[in-house]
PDB file of N, CA and C in Angstrom:
ATOM      1  N   MET A   1       0.783 -27.425   4.066  1.00  0.00           N
ATOM      2  CA  MET A   1       0.616 -26.336   3.251  1.00  0.00           C
ATOM      3  C   MET A   1      -0.595 -26.100   2.042  1.00  0.00           C
ATOM      4  N   HIS A   2      -1.125 -26.932   2.319  1.00  0.00           N
ATOM      5  CA  HIS A   2      -3.207 -26.787   1.744  1.00  0.00           C
ATOM      6  C   HIS A   2      -3.373 -25.385   1.319  1.00  0.00           C
ATOM      7  N   GLY A   3      -2.652 -24.842   3.072  1.00  0.00           N
ATOM      8  CA  GLY A   3      -3.572 -22.930   3.077  1.00  0.00           C
ATOM      9  C   GLY A   3      -2.483 -22.440   2.350  1.00  0.00           C
ATOM     10  N   THR A   4      -1.071 -22.569   1.468  1.00  0.00           N
ATOM     11  CA  THR A   4      -0.423 -21.623   0.664  1.00  0.00           C
ATOM     12  C   THR A   4      -1.005 -21.282  -0.795  1.00  0.00           C
ATOM     13  N   ARG A   5      -2.015 -21.730  -1.039  1.00  0.00           N
ATOM     14  CA  ARG A   5      -2.348 -21.758  -2.699  1.00  0.00           C
ATOM     15  C   ARG A   5      -3.019 -20.721  -2.175  1.00  0.00           C
ATOM     16  N   VAL A   6      -4.470 -20.538  -0.870  1.00  0.00           N
ATOM     17  CA  VAL A   6      -4.423 -19.058  -1.056  1.00  0.00           C
ATOM     18  C   VAL A   6      -4.216 -17.802  -0.805  1.00  0.00           C
ATOM     19  N   ASN A   7      -3.543 -18.319  -0.053  1.00  0.00           N
ATOM     20  CA  ASN A   7      -2.418 -16.895   0.732  1.00  0.00           C
ATOM     21  C   ASN A   7      -2.101 -16.382  -0.763  1.00  0.00           C
ATOM     22  N   TRP A   8      -1.648 -16.793  -1.785  1.00  0.00           N
ATOM     23  CA  TRP A   8      -0.672 -17.459  -2.425  1.00  0.00           C
ATOM     24  C   TRP A   8      -1.627 -16.283  -4.098  1.00  0.00           C
ATOM     25  N   VAL A   9      -3.109 -16.946  -3.795  1.00  0.00           N
ATOM     26  CA  VAL A   9      -4.103 -15.738  -5.176  1.00  0.00           C
ATOM     27  C   VAL A   9      -4.829 -14.562  -4.495  1.00  0.00           C
ATOM     28  N   GLY A  10      -4.978 -14.389  -2.529  1.00  0.00           N
ATOM     29  CA  GLY A  10      -5.285 -13.014  -2.568  1.00  0.00           C
ATOM     30  C   GLY A  10      -3.817 -12.475  -2.124  1.00  0.00           C
ATOM     31  N   MET A  11      -2.838 -13.174  -2.552  1.00  0.00           N
ATOM     32  CA  MET A  11      -1.445 -11.766  -2.284  1.00  0.00           C
ATOM     33  C   MET A  11      -1.279 -11.441  -3.677  1.00  0.00           C
ATOM     34  N   THR A  12      -1.745 -12.157  -5.094  1.00  0.00           N
ATOM     35  CA  THR A  12      -1.112 -12.592  -6.408  1.00  0.00           C
ATOM     36  C   THR A  12      -2.657 -11.046  -6.596  1.00  0.00           C
ATOM     37  N   GLY A  13      -3.584 -10.918  -6.318  1.00  0.00           N
ATOM     38  CA  GLY A  13      -4.890 -10.077  -6.276  1.00  0.00           C
ATOM     39  C   GLY A  13      -4.138  -8.346  -5.814  1.00  0.00           C
ATOM     40  N   ALA A  14      -3.978  -9.093  -4.296  1.00  0.00           N
ATOM     41  CA  ALA A  14      -3.960  -7.615  -3.409  1.00  0.00           C
ATOM     42  C   ALA A  14      -2.279  -6.881  -4.686  1.00  0.00           C
ATOM     43  N   VAL A  15      -1.289  -8.004  -5.029  1.00  0.00           N
ATOM     44  CA  VAL A  15      -0.822  -7.584  -5.510  1.00  0.00           C
ATOM     45  C   VAL A  15      -1.509  -6.583  -7.066  1.00  0.00           C
ATOM     46  N   VAL A  16      -1.904  -6.887  -7.829  1.00  0.00           N
ATOM     47  CA  VAL A  16      -2.952  -6.414  -8.665  1.00  0.00           C
ATOM     48  C   VAL A  16      -3.600  -5.379  -8.862  1.00  0.00           C
ATOM     49  N   LEU A  17      -4.273  -5.384  -7.957  1.00  0.00           N
ATOM     50  CA  LEU A  17      -4.942  -3.896  -6.991  1.00  0.00           C
ATOM     51  C   LEU A  17      -4.518  -3.580  -7.073  1.00  0.00           C
ATOM     52  N   PHE A  18      -3.123  -3.475  -6.181  1.00  0.00           N
ATOM     53  CA  PHE A  18      -2.060  -2.527  -5.903  1.00  0.00           C
ATOM     54  C   PHE A  18      -1.662  -1.231  -6.799  1.00  0.00           C
ATOM     55  N   GLY A  19      -1.159  -2.119  -8.121  1.00  0.00           N
ATOM     56  CA  GLY A  19      -0.089  -2.144  -9.363  1.00  0.00           C
ATOM     57  C   GLY A  19      -1.401  -1.114 -10.074  1.00  0.00           C
ATOM     58  N   TYR A  20      -2.717  -2.581 -10.355  1.00  0.00           N
ATOM     59  CA  TYR A  20      -3.416  -0.951 -10.240  1.00  0.00           C
ATOM     60  C   TYR A  20      -4.115   0.416 -10.204  1.00  0.00           C
ATOM     61  N   GLY A  21      -3.900   0.369  -9.072  1.00  0.00           N
ATOM     62  CA  GLY A  21      -4.115   1.339  -8.159  1.00  0.00           C
ATOM     63  C   GLY A  21      -3.707   2.630  -7.785  1.00  0.00           C
ATOM     64  N   TRP A  22      -2.229   2.166  -8.475  1.00  0.00           N
ATOM     65  CA  TRP A  22      -1.221   3.654  -8.009  1.00  0.00           C
ATOM     66  C   TRP A  22      -1.112   4.497  -9.416  1.00  0.00           C
ATOM     67  N   TRP A  23      -2.006   3.791 -10.406  1.00  0.00           N
ATOM     68  CA  TRP A  23      -1.646   4.797 -11.163  1.00  0.00           C
ATOM     69  C   TRP A  23      -3.099   5.611 -11.424  1.00  0.00           C
ATOM     70  N   ARG A  24      -3.977   4.416 -11.474  1.00  0.00           N
ATOM     71  CA  ARG A  24      -5.431   4.191 -11.410  1.00  0.00           C
ATOM     72  C   ARG A  24      -6.488   5.273 -10.264  1.00  0.00           C
ATOM     73  N   GLU A  25      -6.374   4.731  -9.507  1.00  0.00           N
ATOM     74  CA  GLU A  25      -7.286   4.371  -8.350  1.00  0.00           C
ATOM     75  C   GLU A  25      -5.940   4.492  -6.725  1.00  0.00           C
ATOM     76  N   PRO A  26      -6.544   5.539  -6.296  1.00  0.00           N
ATOM     77  CA  PRO A  26      -5.191   5.588  -5.083  1.00  0.00           C
ATOM     78  C   PRO A  26      -5.684   5.601  -3.608  1.00  0.00           C
ATOM     79  N   LEU A  27      -7.226   4.996  -4.013  1.00  0.00           N
ATOM     80  CA  LEU A  27      -7.992   4.259  -2.292  1.00  0.00           C
ATOM     81  C   LEU A  27      -8.017   2.490  -2.803  1.00  0.00           C
ATOM     82  N   ALA A  28      -8.145   2.275  -4.032  1.00  0.00           N
ATOM     83  CA  ALA A  28      -7.585   1.158  -5.341  1.00  0.00           C
ATOM     84  C   ALA A  28      -5.868   0.332  -4.485  1.00  0.00           C
ATOM     85  N   ALA A  29      -5.300   1.351  -4.143  1.00  0.00           N
ATOM     86  CA  ALA A  29      -3.892   0.701  -3.581  1.00  0.00           C
ATOM     87  C   ALA A  29      -3.847   0.455  -2.359  1.00  0.00           C
ATOM     88  N   VAL A  30      -3.574   1.585  -1.376  1.00  0.00           N
ATOM     89  CA  VAL A  30      -3.961   1.577  -0.001  1.00  0.00           C
ATOM     90  C   VAL A  30      -4.981   0.798  -0.015  1.00  0.00           C
ATOM     91  N   LEU A  31      -5.985  -0.076  -0.194  1.00  0.00           N
ATOM     92  CA  LEU A  31      -6.823  -1.318  -0.001  1.00  0.00           C
ATOM     93  C   LEU A  31      -5.803  -2.003  -0.477  1.00  0.00           C
ATOM     94  N   GLY A  32      -5.577  -2.541  -1.322  1.00  0.00           N
ATOM     95  CA  GLY A  32      -4.200  -3.797  -2.489  1.00  0.00           C
ATOM     96  C   GLY A  32      -2.916  -3.554  -1.591  1.00  0.00           C
ATOM     97  N   GLY A  33      -2.254  -2.741  -0.834  1.00  0.00           N
ATOM     98  CA  GLY A  33      -1.051  -2.646   0.079  1.00  0.00           C
ATOM     99  C   GLY A  33      -1.586  -3.233   1.488  1.00  0.00           C
ATOM    100  N   MET A  34      -2.565  -3.357   1.925  1.00  0.00           N
ATOM    101  CA  MET A  34      -3.260  -3.130   3.478  1.00  0.00           C
ATOM    102  C   MET A  34      -3.958  -3.968   2.896  1.00  0.00           C
ATOM    103  N   ILE A  35      -4.080  -5.308   1.790  1.00  0.00           N
ATOM    104  CA  ILE A  35      -4.918  -6.729   2.467  1.00  0.00           C
ATOM    105  C   ILE A  35      -3.062  -7.634   2.071  1.00  0.00           C
ATOM    106  N   LEU A  36      -2.061  -6.960   1.058  1.00  0.00           N
ATOM    107  CA  LEU A  36      -0.478  -7.654   1.208  1.00  0.00           C
ATOM    108  C   LEU A  36      -0.056  -7.041   2.439  1.00  0.00           C
ATOM    109  N   LEU A  37      -0.172  -6.511   3.632  1.00  0.00           N
ATOM    110  CA  LEU A  37       0.651  -6.456   4.840  1.00  0.00           C
ATOM    111  C   LEU A  37      -0.146  -7.650   5.239  1.00  0.00           C
ATOM    112  N   ALA A  38      -2.002  -7.517   5.893  1.00  0.00           N
ATOM    113  CA  ALA A  38      -1.952  -8.749   5.689  1.00  0.00           C
ATOM    114  C   ALA A  38      -2.310  -9.923   6.370  1.00  0.00           C
ATOM    115  N   ASP A  39      -2.011  -9.892   4.645  1.00  0.00           N
ATOM    116  CA  ASP A  39      -1.074 -11.794   4.638  1.00  0.00           C
ATOM    117  C   ASP A  39       0.166 -11.532   4.549  1.00  0.00           C
ATOM    118  N   LEU A  40       0.988 -10.987   4.318  1.00  0.00           N
ATOM    119  CA  LEU A  40       2.550 -11.394   5.005  1.00  0.00           C
ATOM    120  C   LEU A  40       2.157 -12.056   6.234  1.00  0.00           C
ATOM    121  N   LEU A  41       1.156 -11.313   7.201  1.00  0.00           N
ATOM    122  CA  LEU A  41       1.481 -10.414   8.221  1.00  0.00           C
ATOM    123  C   LEU A  41       0.444 -12.574   8.811  1.00  0.00           C
ATOM    124  N   ALA A  42      -0.483 -12.428   8.185  1.00  0.00           N
ATOM    125  CA  ALA A  42      -1.172 -14.259   8.569  1.00  0.00           C
ATOM    126  C   ALA A  42       0.984 -14.916   8.362  1.00  0.00           C
ATOM    127  N   MET A  43       1.190 -15.765   7.178  1.00  0.00           N
ATOM    128  CA  MET A  43       1.784 -16.604   6.983  1.00  0.00           C
ATOM    129  C   MET A  43       2.243 -16.004   8.060  1.00  0.00           C
ATOM    130  N   GLU A  44       3.598 -15.167   8.132  1.00  0.00           N
ATOM    131  CA  GLU A  44       4.065 -15.039   8.559  1.00  0.00           C
ATOM    132  C   GLU A  44       3.888 -16.145  10.184  1.00  0.00           C
ATOM    133  N   VAL A  45       2.608 -15.108  10.449  1.00  0.00           N
ATOM    134  CA  VAL A  45       1.696 -16.055  12.285  1.00  0.00           C
ATOM    135  C   VAL A  45       1.747 -17.741  12.402  1.00  0.00           C
ATOM    136  N   SER A  46       1.170 -17.528  10.564  1.00  0.00           N
ATOM    137  CA  SER A  46       1.272 -19.600  10.643  1.00  0.00           C
ATOM    138  C   SER A  46       2.446 -19.820  10.752  1.00  0.00           C
ATOM    139  N   VAL A  47       3.625 -19.253  10.360  1.00  0.00           N
ATOM    140  CA  VAL A  47       4.799 -20.295  10.092  1.00  0.00           C
ATOM    141  C   VAL A  47       5.203 -20.220  11.427  1.00  0.00           C
ATOM    142  N   ARG A  48       5.284 -19.109  12.798  1.00  0.00           N
ATOM    143  CA  ARG A  48       6.092 -18.894  13.876  1.00  0.00           C
ATOM    144  C   ARG A  48       5.756 -20.298  13.986  1.00  0.00           C
ATOM    145  N   LYS A  49       4.307 -20.298  13.745  1.00  0.00           N
ATOM    146  CA  LYS A  49       3.091 -21.075  15.430  1.00  0.00           C
ATOM    147  C   LYS A  49       3.780 -22.579  15.008  1.00  0.00           C
ATOM    148  N   ARG A  50       3.774 -23.077  12.969  1.00  0.00           N
ATOM    149  CA  ARG A  50       3.927 -24.864  12.453  1.00  0.00           C
ATOM    150  C   ARG A  50       5.497 -24.555  13.596  1.00  0.00           C
ATOM    151  N   ASP A  51       6.453 -23.767  13.179  1.00  0.00           N
ATOM    152  CA  ASP A  51       8.038 -23.890  13.600  1.00  0.00           C
ATOM    153  C   ASP A  51       8.338 -24.014  14.611  1.00  0.00           C
ATOM    154  N   GLY A  52       7.940 -23.247  15.445  1.00  0.00           N
ATOM    155  CA  GLY A  52       7.598 -23.069  17.773  1.00  0.00           C
ATOM    156  C   GLY A  52       8.788 -22.892  18.361  1.00  0.00           C
ATOM    157  N   LYS A  53       9.590 -22.906  18.127  1.00  0.00           N
ATOM    158  CA  LYS A  53      10.447 -22.295  19.020  1.00  0.00           C
ATOM    159  C   LYS A  53      11.909 -22.020  18.378  1.00  0.00           C
ATOM    160  N   ASN A  54      11.866 -22.981  17.346  1.00  0.00           N
ATOM    161  CA  ASN A  54      13.088 -22.858  16.069  1.00  0.00           C
ATOM    162  C   ASN A  54      12.631 -20.869  15.072  1.00  0.00           C
ATOM    163  N   ALA A  55      11.635 -20.685  14.894  1.00  0.00           N
ATOM    164  CA  ALA A  55      11.007 -19.339  14.684  1.00  0.00           C
ATOM    165  C   ALA A  55      11.748 -18.304  14.857  1.00  0.00           C
ATOM    166  N   LYS A  56      12.297 -18.452  15.660  1.00  0.00           N
ATOM    167  CA  LYS A  56      12.525 -17.340  16.661  1.00  0.00           C
ATOM    168  C   LYS A  56      13.971 -16.808  15.571  1.00  0.00           C
ATOM    169  N   ASN A  57      14.885 -17.713  15.209  1.00  0.00           N
ATOM    170  CA  ASN A  57      16.143 -16.866  14.716  1.00  0.00           C
ATOM    171  C   ASN A  57      16.040 -16.845  13.330  1.00  0.00           C
ATOM    172  N   THR A  58      14.399 -17.051  13.284  1.00  0.00           N
ATOM    173  CA  THR A  58      13.916 -15.834  11.427  1.00  0.00           C
ATOM    174  C   THR A  58      13.131 -15.516  11.523  1.00  0.00           C
ATOM    175  N   MET A  59      13.660 -13.710  10.867  1.00  0.00           N
ATOM    176  CA  MET A  59      12.267 -12.747  10.949  1.00  0.00           C
ATOM    177  C   MET A  59      11.136 -13.377  10.115  1.00  0.00           C
ATOM    178  N   PHE A  60      12.098 -14.255   8.105  1.00  0.00           N
ATOM    179  CA  PHE A  60      10.441 -14.243   7.817  1.00  0.00           C
ATOM    180  C   PHE A  60       9.809 -15.630   6.932  1.00  0.00           C
TER     181      PHE A  60
END
């Protein structure tokens, strides 16, 4: 699980960018939201690959 730290750093940055952009820069909020979604998808895919057939029963 050495890759999770990088994901959390990226997600934290995306959340900060999203929160800042929400009231300051709408384009930054959109970008942050897209980064956050991409990170969540990447984590989901990596979890499914690691777990194999057991992942069919879990959504997240």
